[in-house]
Structures are given as structure tokens and as C-alpha cells.
Amino acid sequence: MADETIITPQPADAPATHTTIIHEAPPSNSGMGIIMALILLAVVLGGFYLYTQNSRESARDNAVAEAASDVGNAATKVGDAAEEAVSTKK
């Protein structure tokens, strides 16, 4: 984040001294892990929602098919009863 260089000029006859250089790197935590976790959570919740919707749709389709079968069975019974009534009257 901060680059700081400290240089102190020395007279020509002075002994050699050292130079201190401070270099700070920017923090590596930019919140990317949190963003990726939220995206993953959204994908998992979306998949769960779609799965449950598909299950509900299958259950509804099965209920409609069963009801249609029951109506067909009832119509067959009515037809049989009508034939029996006609054949016993003769």
C-alpha cells in the first residue's frame, strides 16, 4: 500500500550507512471468498427449488392420471350396469 524510501545524505568523508526501504503489499483479502460462497449458496438453493418444483409437477401429473383412471373405471361400471338393466328387462 505504501512505498517508503528513506535516504539520508551523508558527507563524503562519513562512513557508509544503510538505507531502509519499507514496502507494504496490499491486503490479499478482497472479499472474493465471501462472494464465491454467496454465489454457490444461490446455485444450491436454485437447484433445490427446481428439484422440488419438478417433484410437485410429477405428483400433480400422477394425481391427474389416477383421477382419469378412476373416471374411466366409473364409466365402465355405469355402462355394465346399464347393460345389465336392459338385459334383465327383456
PDB file of N, CA and C in Angstrom:
ATOM      1  N   MET A   1       0.809  -1.170   0.000  1.00  0.00           N
ATOM      2  CA  MET A   1       0.000   0.000   0.000  1.00  0.00           C
ATOM      3  C   MET A   1       0.866   1.252   0.000  1.00  0.00           C
ATOM      4  N   ALA A   2       1.889   1.216   0.827  1.00  0.00           N
ATOM      5  CA  ALA A   2       2.759   2.385   0.901  1.00  0.00           C
ATOM      6  C   ALA A   2       4.170   1.967   0.556  1.00  0.00           C
ATOM      7  N   ASP A   3       4.793   2.725  -0.326  1.00  0.00           N
ATOM      8  CA  ASP A   3       6.212   2.542  -0.622  1.00  0.00           C
ATOM      9  C   ASP A   3       6.936   3.715   0.007  1.00  0.00           C
ATOM     10  N   GLU A   4       7.845   3.393   0.869  1.00  0.00           N
ATOM     11  CA  GLU A   4       8.553   4.460   1.572  1.00  0.00           C
ATOM     12  C   GLU A   4      10.049   4.198   1.480  1.00  0.00           C
ATOM     13  N   THR A   5      10.754   5.175   1.037  1.00  0.00           N
ATOM     14  CA  THR A   5      12.209   5.071   0.943  1.00  0.00           C
ATOM     15  C   THR A   5      12.810   6.209   1.745  1.00  0.00           C
ATOM     16  N   ILE A   6      13.711   5.839   2.645  1.00  0.00           N
ATOM     17  CA  ILE A   6      14.373   6.862   3.462  1.00  0.00           C
ATOM     18  C   ILE A   6      15.850   6.864   3.089  1.00  0.00           C
ATOM     19  N   ILE A   7      16.295   7.953   2.571  1.00  0.00           N
ATOM     20  CA  ILE A   7      17.710   8.106   2.218  1.00  0.00           C
ATOM     21  C   ILE A   7      18.224   9.360   2.923  1.00  0.00           C
ATOM     22  N   THR A   8      19.269   9.167   3.686  1.00  0.00           N
ATOM     23  CA  THR A   8      19.863  10.296   4.400  1.00  0.00           C
ATOM     24  C   THR A   8      21.209  10.607   3.757  1.00  0.00           C
ATOM     25  N   PRO A   9      21.330  11.791   3.181  1.00  0.00           N
ATOM     26  CA  PRO A   9      22.620  12.118   2.554  1.00  0.00           C
ATOM     27  C   PRO A   9      23.717  12.250   3.627  1.00  0.00           C
ATOM     28  N   GLN A  10      24.863  11.707   3.319  1.00  0.00           N
ATOM     29  CA  GLN A  10      25.994  11.754   4.226  1.00  0.00           C
ATOM     30  C   GLN A  10      27.131  12.561   3.575  1.00  0.00           C
ATOM     31  N   PRO A  11      27.924  13.201   4.377  1.00  0.00           N
ATOM     32  CA  PRO A  11      29.088  13.893   3.807  1.00  0.00           C
ATOM     33  C   PRO A  11      30.028  12.875   3.180  1.00  0.00           C
ATOM     34  N   ALA A  12      30.840  13.284   2.267  1.00  0.00           N
ATOM     35  CA  ALA A  12      31.724  12.397   1.519  1.00  0.00           C
ATOM     36  C   ALA A  12      32.712  11.668   2.426  1.00  0.00           C
ATOM     37  N   ASP A  13      33.120  12.267   3.505  1.00  0.00           N
ATOM     38  CA  ASP A  13      34.108  11.622   4.361  1.00  0.00           C
ATOM     39  C   ASP A  13      33.476  10.767   5.465  1.00  0.00           C
ATOM     40  N   ALA A  14      32.162  10.695   5.542  1.00  0.00           N
ATOM     41  CA  ALA A  14      31.475   9.912   6.568  1.00  0.00           C
ATOM     42  C   ALA A  14      31.481   8.430   6.189  1.00  0.00           C
ATOM     43  N   PRO A  15      31.452   7.548   7.193  1.00  0.00           N
ATOM     44  CA  PRO A  15      31.410   6.116   6.882  1.00  0.00           C
ATOM     45  C   PRO A  15      30.074   5.749   6.213  1.00  0.00           C
ATOM     46  N   ALA A  16      30.064   4.653   5.488  1.00  0.00           N
ATOM     47  CA  ALA A  16      28.858   4.220   4.772  1.00  0.00           C
ATOM     48  C   ALA A  16      27.774   3.828   5.781  1.00  0.00           C
ATOM     49  N   THR A  17      26.564   4.203   5.486  1.00  0.00           N
ATOM     50  CA  THR A  17      25.422   3.847   6.329  1.00  0.00           C
ATOM     51  C   THR A  17      24.453   2.997   5.509  1.00  0.00           C
ATOM     52  N   HIS A  18      23.418   2.545   6.140  1.00  0.00           N
ATOM     53  CA  HIS A  18      22.453   1.711   5.425  1.00  0.00           C
ATOM     54  C   HIS A  18      21.226   2.539   5.035  1.00  0.00           C
ATOM     55  N   THR A  19      20.481   2.011   4.077  1.00  0.00           N
ATOM     56  CA  THR A  19      19.247   2.632   3.610  1.00  0.00           C
ATOM     57  C   THR A  19      18.099   1.703   3.980  1.00  0.00           C
ATOM     58  N   THR A  20      17.040   2.244   4.550  1.00  0.00           N
ATOM     59  CA  THR A  20      15.870   1.452   4.928  1.00  0.00           C
ATOM     60  C   THR A  20      14.790   1.661   3.883  1.00  0.00           C
ATOM     61  N   ILE A  21      14.331   0.550   3.326  1.00  0.00           N
ATOM     62  CA  ILE A  21      13.236   0.597   2.347  1.00  0.00           C
ATOM     63  C   ILE A  21      12.087  -0.228   2.920  1.00  0.00           C
ATOM     64  N   ILE A  22      10.928   0.393   3.047  1.00  0.00           N
ATOM     65  CA  ILE A  22       9.734  -0.284   3.560  1.00  0.00           C
ATOM     66  C   ILE A  22       8.759  -0.431   2.394  1.00  0.00           C
ATOM     67  N   HIS A  23       8.394  -1.665   2.137  1.00  0.00           N
ATOM     68  CA  HIS A  23       7.433  -1.939   1.053  1.00  0.00           C
ATOM     69  C   HIS A  23       6.292  -2.751   1.640  1.00  0.00           C
ATOM     70  N   GLU A  24       5.092  -2.212   1.582  1.00  0.00           N
ATOM     71  CA  GLU A  24       3.911  -2.907   2.075  1.00  0.00           C
ATOM     72  C   GLU A  24       3.066  -3.364   0.899  1.00  0.00           C
ATOM     73  N   ALA A  25       2.708  -4.630   0.917  1.00  0.00           N
ATOM     74  CA  ALA A  25       1.840  -5.173  -0.132  1.00  0.00           C
ATOM     75  C   ALA A  25       0.380  -4.917   0.255  1.00  0.00           C
ATOM     76  N   PRO A  26      -0.463  -4.742  -0.734  1.00  0.00           N
ATOM     77  CA  PRO A  26      -1.876  -4.545  -0.414  1.00  0.00           C
ATOM     78  C   PRO A  26      -2.445  -5.811   0.232  1.00  0.00           C
ATOM     79  N   PRO A  27      -3.446  -5.653   1.072  1.00  0.00           N
ATOM     80  CA  PRO A  27      -4.040  -6.830   1.710  1.00  0.00           C
ATOM     81  C   PRO A  27      -4.615  -7.775   0.655  1.00  0.00           C
ATOM     82  N   SER A  28      -4.424  -9.061   0.855  1.00  0.00           N
ATOM     83  CA  SER A  28      -4.862 -10.043  -0.138  1.00  0.00           C
ATOM     84  C   SER A  28      -6.333 -10.411   0.020  1.00  0.00           C
ATOM     85  N   ASN A  29      -6.944 -10.092   1.139  1.00  0.00           N
ATOM     86  CA  ASN A  29      -8.341 -10.442   1.362  1.00  0.00           C
ATOM     87  C   ASN A  29      -9.228  -9.371   0.739  1.00  0.00           C
ATOM     88  N   SER A  30      -9.760  -9.669  -0.431  1.00  0.00           N
ATOM     89  CA  SER A  30     -10.610  -8.695  -1.117  1.00  0.00           C
ATOM     90  C   SER A  30     -12.085  -9.058  -1.030  1.00  0.00           C
ATOM     91  N   GLY A  31     -12.417 -10.053  -0.246  1.00  0.00           N
ATOM     92  CA  GLY A  31     -13.813 -10.448  -0.111  1.00  0.00           C
ATOM     93  C   GLY A  31     -14.268 -11.393  -1.201  1.00  0.00           C
ATOM     94  N   MET A  32     -13.343 -11.873  -2.028  1.00  0.00           N
ATOM     95  CA  MET A  32     -13.710 -12.752  -3.133  1.00  0.00           C
ATOM     96  C   MET A  32     -14.264 -14.081  -2.615  1.00  0.00           C
ATOM     97  N   GLY A  33     -13.730 -14.567  -1.505  1.00  0.00           N
ATOM     98  CA  GLY A  33     -14.223 -15.819  -0.934  1.00  0.00           C
ATOM     99  C   GLY A  33     -15.674 -15.708  -0.505  1.00  0.00           C
ATOM    100  N   ILE A  34     -16.032 -14.571   0.068  1.00  0.00           N
ATOM    101  CA  ILE A  34     -17.421 -14.360   0.501  1.00  0.00           C
ATOM    102  C   ILE A  34     -18.347 -14.297  -0.706  1.00  0.00           C
ATOM    103  N   ILE A  35     -17.906 -13.635  -1.747  1.00  0.00           N
ATOM    104  CA  ILE A  35     -18.728 -13.524  -2.959  1.00  0.00           C
ATOM    105  C   ILE A  35     -18.922 -14.900  -3.587  1.00  0.00           C
ATOM    106  N   MET A  36     -17.856 -15.700  -3.648  1.00  0.00           N
ATOM    107  CA  MET A  36     -17.970 -17.038  -4.227  1.00  0.00           C
ATOM    108  C   MET A  36     -18.890 -17.920  -3.373  1.00  0.00           C
ATOM    109  N   ALA A  37     -18.813 -17.784  -2.052  1.00  0.00           N
ATOM    110  CA  ALA A  37     -19.690 -18.560  -1.177  1.00  0.00           C
ATOM    111  C   ALA A  37     -21.152 -18.179  -1.397  1.00  0.00           C
ATOM    112  N   LEU A  38     -21.433 -16.901  -1.575  1.00  0.00           N
ATOM    113  CA  LEU A  38     -22.811 -16.464  -1.823  1.00  0.00           C
ATOM    114  C   LEU A  38     -23.324 -16.970  -3.165  1.00  0.00           C
ATOM    115  N   ILE A  39     -22.462 -16.966  -4.177  1.00  0.00           N
ATOM    116  CA  ILE A  39     -22.865 -17.474  -5.493  1.00  0.00           C
ATOM    117  C   ILE A  39     -23.151 -18.972  -5.406  1.00  0.00           C
ATOM    118  N   LEU A  40     -22.288 -19.699  -4.700  1.00  0.00           N
ATOM    119  CA  LEU A  40     -22.500 -21.135  -4.533  1.00  0.00           C
ATOM    120  C   LEU A  40     -23.809 -21.410  -3.785  1.00  0.00           C
ATOM    121  N   LEU A  41     -24.072 -20.642  -2.748  1.00  0.00           N
ATOM    122  CA  LEU A  41     -25.315 -20.802  -1.994  1.00  0.00           C
ATOM    123  C   LEU A  41     -26.528 -20.544  -2.884  1.00  0.00           C
ATOM    124  N   ALA A  42     -26.458 -19.515  -3.721  1.00  0.00           N
ATOM    125  CA  ALA A  42     -27.573 -19.208  -4.624  1.00  0.00           C
ATOM    126  C   ALA A  42     -27.799 -20.341  -5.621  1.00  0.00           C
ATOM    127  N   VAL A  43     -26.712 -20.924  -6.127  1.00  0.00           N
ATOM    128  CA  VAL A  43     -26.843 -22.036  -7.078  1.00  0.00           C
ATOM    129  C   VAL A  43     -27.469 -23.252  -6.400  1.00  0.00           C
ATOM    130  N   VAL A  44     -27.032 -23.551  -5.177  1.00  0.00           N
ATOM    131  CA  VAL A  44     -27.586 -24.702  -4.452  1.00  0.00           C
ATOM    132  C   VAL A  44     -29.072 -24.483  -4.169  1.00  0.00           C
ATOM    133  N   LEU A  45     -29.440 -23.294  -3.702  1.00  0.00           N
ATOM    134  CA  LEU A  45     -30.850 -23.015  -3.418  1.00  0.00           C
ATOM    135  C   LEU A  45     -31.693 -23.058  -4.695  1.00  0.00           C
ATOM    136  N   GLY A  46     -31.157 -22.543  -5.793  1.00  0.00           N
ATOM    137  CA  GLY A  46     -31.873 -22.595  -7.075  1.00  0.00           C
ATOM    138  C   GLY A  46     -32.087 -24.029  -7.537  1.00  0.00           C
ATOM    139  N   GLY A  47     -31.068 -24.869  -7.390  1.00  0.00           N
ATOM    140  CA  GLY A  47     -31.203 -26.276  -7.757  1.00  0.00           C
ATOM    141  C   GLY A  47     -32.232 -26.988  -6.904  1.00  0.00           C
ATOM    142  N   PHE A  48     -32.225 -26.704  -5.602  1.00  0.00           N
ATOM    143  CA  PHE A  48     -33.208 -27.312  -4.704  1.00  0.00           C
ATOM    144  C   PHE A  48     -34.620 -26.885  -5.084  1.00  0.00           C
ATOM    145  N   TYR A  49     -34.789 -25.608  -5.411  1.00  0.00           N
ATOM    146  CA  TYR A  49     -36.111 -25.094  -5.812  1.00  0.00           C
ATOM    147  C   TYR A  49     -36.597 -25.803  -7.077  1.00  0.00           C
ATOM    148  N   LEU A  50     -35.719 -25.906  -8.068  1.00  0.00           N
ATOM    149  CA  LEU A  50     -36.118 -26.566  -9.314  1.00  0.00           C
ATOM    150  C   LEU A  50     -36.432 -28.045  -9.089  1.00  0.00           C
ATOM    151  N   TYR A  51     -35.668 -28.692  -8.220  1.00  0.00           N
ATOM    152  CA  TYR A  51     -35.923 -30.103  -7.917  1.00  0.00           C
ATOM    153  C   TYR A  51     -37.290 -30.283  -7.264  1.00  0.00           C
ATOM    154  N   THR A  52     -37.615 -29.421  -6.300  1.00  0.00           N
ATOM    155  CA  THR A  52     -38.908 -29.555  -5.632  1.00  0.00           C
ATOM    156  C   THR A  52     -40.052 -29.213  -6.576  1.00  0.00           C
ATOM    157  N   GLN A  53     -39.836 -28.250  -7.470  1.00  0.00           N
ATOM    158  CA  GLN A  53     -40.890 -27.927  -8.443  1.00  0.00           C
ATOM    159  C   GLN A  53     -41.145 -29.123  -9.359  1.00  0.00           C
ATOM    160  N   ASN A  54     -40.084 -29.797  -9.770  1.00  0.00           N
ATOM    161  CA  ASN A  54     -40.225 -30.962 -10.636  1.00  0.00           C
ATOM    162  C   ASN A  54     -40.960 -32.078  -9.907  1.00  0.00           C
ATOM    163  N   SER A  55     -40.662 -32.254  -8.628  1.00  0.00           N
ATOM    164  CA  SER A  55     -41.343 -33.288  -7.842  1.00  0.00           C
ATOM    165  C   SER A  55     -42.824 -32.970  -7.699  1.00  0.00           C
ATOM    166  N   ARG A  56     -43.126 -31.714  -7.467  1.00  0.00           N
ATOM    167  CA  ARG A  56     -44.533 -31.313  -7.340  1.00  0.00           C
ATOM    168  C   ARG A  56     -45.276 -31.528  -8.650  1.00  0.00           C
ATOM    169  N   GLU A  57     -44.624 -31.207  -9.757  1.00  0.00           N
ATOM    170  CA  GLU A  57     -45.262 -31.365 -11.054  1.00  0.00           C
ATOM    171  C   GLU A  57     -45.523 -32.846 -11.340  1.00  0.00           C
ATOM    172  N   SER A  58     -44.577 -33.696 -10.990  1.00  0.00           N
ATOM    173  CA  SER A  58     -44.763 -35.142 -11.181  1.00  0.00           C
ATOM    174  C   SER A  58     -45.911 -35.651 -10.327  1.00  0.00           C
ATOM    175  N   ALA A  59     -45.991 -35.191  -9.089  1.00  0.00           N
ATOM    176  CA  ALA A  59     -47.078 -35.613  -8.203  1.00  0.00           C
ATOM    177  C   ALA A  59     -48.418 -35.168  -8.756  1.00  0.00           C
ATOM    178  N   ARG A  60     -48.466 -33.945  -9.284  1.00  0.00           N
ATOM    179  CA  ARG A  60     -49.716 -33.452  -9.864  1.00  0.00           C
ATOM    180  C   ARG A  60     -50.105 -34.277 -11.088  1.00  0.00           C
ATOM    181  N   ASP A  61     -49.133 -34.570 -11.942  1.00  0.00           N
ATOM    182  CA  ASP A  61     -49.416 -35.370 -13.130  1.00  0.00           C
ATOM    183  C   ASP A  61     -49.914 -36.763 -12.751  1.00  0.00           C
ATOM    184  N   ASN A  62     -49.304 -37.345 -11.729  1.00  0.00           N
ATOM    185  CA  ASN A  62     -49.737 -38.665 -11.271  1.00  0.00           C
ATOM    186  C   ASN A  62     -51.156 -38.613 -10.718  1.00  0.00           C
ATOM    187  N   ALA A  63     -51.479 -37.545  -9.995  1.00  0.00           N
ATOM    188  CA  ALA A  63     -52.834 -37.402  -9.440  1.00  0.00           C
ATOM    189  C   ALA A  63     -53.857 -37.263 -10.554  1.00  0.00           C
ATOM    190  N   VAL A  64     -53.530 -36.495 -11.594  1.00  0.00           N
ATOM    191  CA  VAL A  64     -54.449 -36.325 -12.722  1.00  0.00           C
ATOM    192  C   VAL A  64     -54.648 -37.658 -13.443  1.00  0.00           C
ATOM    193  N   ALA A  65     -53.566 -38.405 -13.633  1.00  0.00           N
ATOM    194  CA  ALA A  65     -53.673 -39.699 -14.316  1.00  0.00           C
ATOM    195  C   ALA A  65     -54.514 -40.671 -13.495  1.00  0.00           C
ATOM    196  N   GLU A  66     -54.331 -40.661 -12.180  1.00  0.00           N
ATOM    197  CA  GLU A  66     -55.115 -41.549 -11.316  1.00  0.00           C
ATOM    198  C   GLU A  66     -56.598 -41.171 -11.346  1.00  0.00           C
ATOM    199  N   ALA A  67     -56.876 -39.870 -11.339  1.00  0.00           N
ATOM    200  CA  ALA A  67     -58.274 -39.416 -11.395  1.00  0.00           C
ATOM    201  C   ALA A  67     -58.909 -39.813 -12.725  1.00  0.00           C
ATOM    202  N   ALA A  68     -58.162 -39.692 -13.807  1.00  0.00           N
ATOM    203  CA  ALA A  68     -58.696 -40.085 -15.113  1.00  0.00           C
ATOM    204  C   ALA A  68     -58.969 -41.582 -15.144  1.00  0.00           C
ATOM    205  N   SER A  69     -58.110 -42.357 -14.524  1.00  0.00           N
ATOM    206  CA  SER A  69     -58.323 -43.801 -14.462  1.00  0.00           C
ATOM    207  C   SER A  69     -59.579 -44.130 -13.658  1.00  0.00           C
ATOM    208  N   ASP A  70     -59.769 -43.409 -12.545  1.00  0.00           N
ATOM    209  CA  ASP A  70     -60.964 -43.626 -11.723  1.00  0.00           C
ATOM    210  C   ASP A  70     -62.230 -43.272 -12.499  1.00  0.00           C
ATOM    211  N   VAL A  71     -62.170 -42.194 -13.264  1.00  0.00           N
ATOM    212  CA  VAL A  71     -63.336 -41.807 -14.080  1.00  0.00           C
ATOM    213  C   VAL A  71     -63.610 -42.881 -15.118  1.00  0.00           C
ATOM    214  N   GLY A  72     -62.558 -43.415 -15.729  1.00  0.00           N
ATOM    215  CA  GLY A  72     -62.735 -44.486 -16.721  1.00  0.00           C
ATOM    216  C   GLY A  72     -63.345 -45.722 -16.096  1.00  0.00           C
ATOM    217  N   ASN A  73     -62.896 -46.077 -14.895  1.00  0.00           N
ATOM    218  CA  ASN A  73     -63.465 -47.246 -14.200  1.00  0.00           C
ATOM    219  C   ASN A  73     -64.929 -47.015 -13.849  1.00  0.00           C
ATOM    220  N   ALA A  74     -65.242 -45.806 -13.420  1.00  0.00           N
ATOM    221  CA  ALA A  74     -66.633 -45.493 -13.074  1.00  0.00           C
ATOM    222  C   ALA A  74     -67.521 -45.556 -14.312  1.00  0.00           C
ATOM    223  N   ALA A  75     -67.014 -45.062 -15.431  1.00  0.00           N
ATOM    224  CA  ALA A  75     -67.805 -45.109 -16.667  1.00  0.00           C
ATOM    225  C   ALA A  75     -68.039 -46.552 -17.099  1.00  0.00           C
ATOM    226  N   THR A  76     -67.033 -47.387 -16.914  1.00  0.00           N
ATOM    227  CA  THR A  76     -67.197 -48.808 -17.256  1.00  0.00           C
ATOM    228  C   THR A  76     -68.264 -49.450 -16.380  1.00  0.00           C
ATOM    229  N   LYS A  77     -68.262 -49.137 -15.095  1.00  0.00           N
ATOM    230  CA  LYS A  77     -69.255 -49.700 -14.181  1.00  0.00           C
ATOM    231  C   LYS A  77     -70.657 -49.233 -14.538  1.00  0.00           C
ATOM    232  N   VAL A  78     -70.796 -47.958 -14.897  1.00  0.00           N
ATOM    233  CA  VAL A  78     -72.112 -47.436 -15.302  1.00  0.00           C
ATOM    234  C   VAL A  78     -72.577 -48.126 -16.568  1.00  0.00           C
ATOM    235  N   GLY A  79     -71.673 -48.307 -17.505  1.00  0.00           N
ATOM    236  CA  GLY A  79     -72.034 -48.994 -18.754  1.00  0.00           C
ATOM    237  C   GLY A  79     -72.456 -50.421 -18.494  1.00  0.00           C
ATOM    238  N   ASP A  80     -71.718 -51.125 -17.622  1.00  0.00           N
ATOM    239  CA  ASP A  80     -72.081 -52.510 -17.283  1.00  0.00           C
ATOM    240  C   ASP A  80     -73.447 -52.566 -16.598  1.00  0.00           C
ATOM    241  N   ALA A  81     -73.690 -51.626 -15.702  1.00  0.00           N
ATOM    242  CA  ALA A  81     -74.985 -51.602 -15.007  1.00  0.00           C
ATOM    243  C   ALA A  81     -76.115 -51.325 -15.971  1.00  0.00           C
ATOM    244  N   ALA A  82     -75.897 -50.439 -16.921  1.00  0.00           N
ATOM    245  CA  ALA A  82     -76.923 -50.127 -17.915  1.00  0.00           C
ATOM    246  C   ALA A  82     -77.217 -51.345 -18.781  1.00  0.00           C
ATOM    247  N   GLU A  83     -76.169 -52.056 -19.172  1.00  0.00           N
ATOM    248  CA  GLU A  83     -76.390 -53.259 -19.991  1.00  0.00           C
ATOM    249  C   GLU A  83     -77.140 -54.322 -19.200  1.00  0.00           C
ATOM    250  N   GLU A  84     -76.781 -54.466 -17.937  1.00  0.00           N
ATOM    251  CA  GLU A  84     -77.460 -55.440 -17.091  1.00  0.00           C
ATOM    252  C   GLU A  84     -78.926 -55.104 -16.891  1.00  0.00           C
ATOM    253  N   ALA A  85     -79.207 -53.786 -16.745  1.00  0.00           N
ATOM    254  CA  ALA A  85     -80.594 -53.372 -16.560  1.00  0.00           C
ATOM    255  C   ALA A  85     -81.408 -53.639 -17.823  1.00  0.00           C
ATOM    256  N   VAL A  86     -80.807 -53.392 -18.960  1.00  0.00           N
ATOM    257  CA  VAL A  86     -81.533 -53.613 -20.215  1.00  0.00           C
ATOM    258  C   VAL A  86     -81.741 -55.105 -20.435  1.00  0.00           C
ATOM    259  N   SER A  87     -80.735 -55.903 -20.130  1.00  0.00           N
ATOM    260  CA  SER A  87     -80.876 -57.350 -20.389  1.00  0.00           C
ATOM    261  C   SER A  87     -81.829 -58.019 -19.407  1.00  0.00           C
ATOM    262  N   THR A  88     -82.010 -57.531 -18.223  1.00  0.00           N
ATOM    263  CA  THR A  88     -82.941 -58.142 -17.275  1.00  0.00           C
ATOM    264  C   THR A  88     -84.381 -57.742 -17.555  1.00  0.00           C
ATOM    265  N   LYS A  89     -84.635 -56.643 -18.243  1.00  0.00           N
ATOM    266  CA  LYS A  89     -85.995 -56.181 -18.542  1.00  0.00           C
ATOM    267  C   LYS A  89     -86.606 -56.978 -19.675  1.00  0.00           C
ATOM    268  N   LYS A  90     -85.856 -57.588 -20.487  1.00  0.00           N
ATOM    269  CA  LYS A  90     -86.398 -58.279 -21.656  1.00  0.00           C
ATOM    270  C   LYS A  90     -87.054 -59.517 -21.295  1.00  0.00           C
TER     271      LYS A  90
END
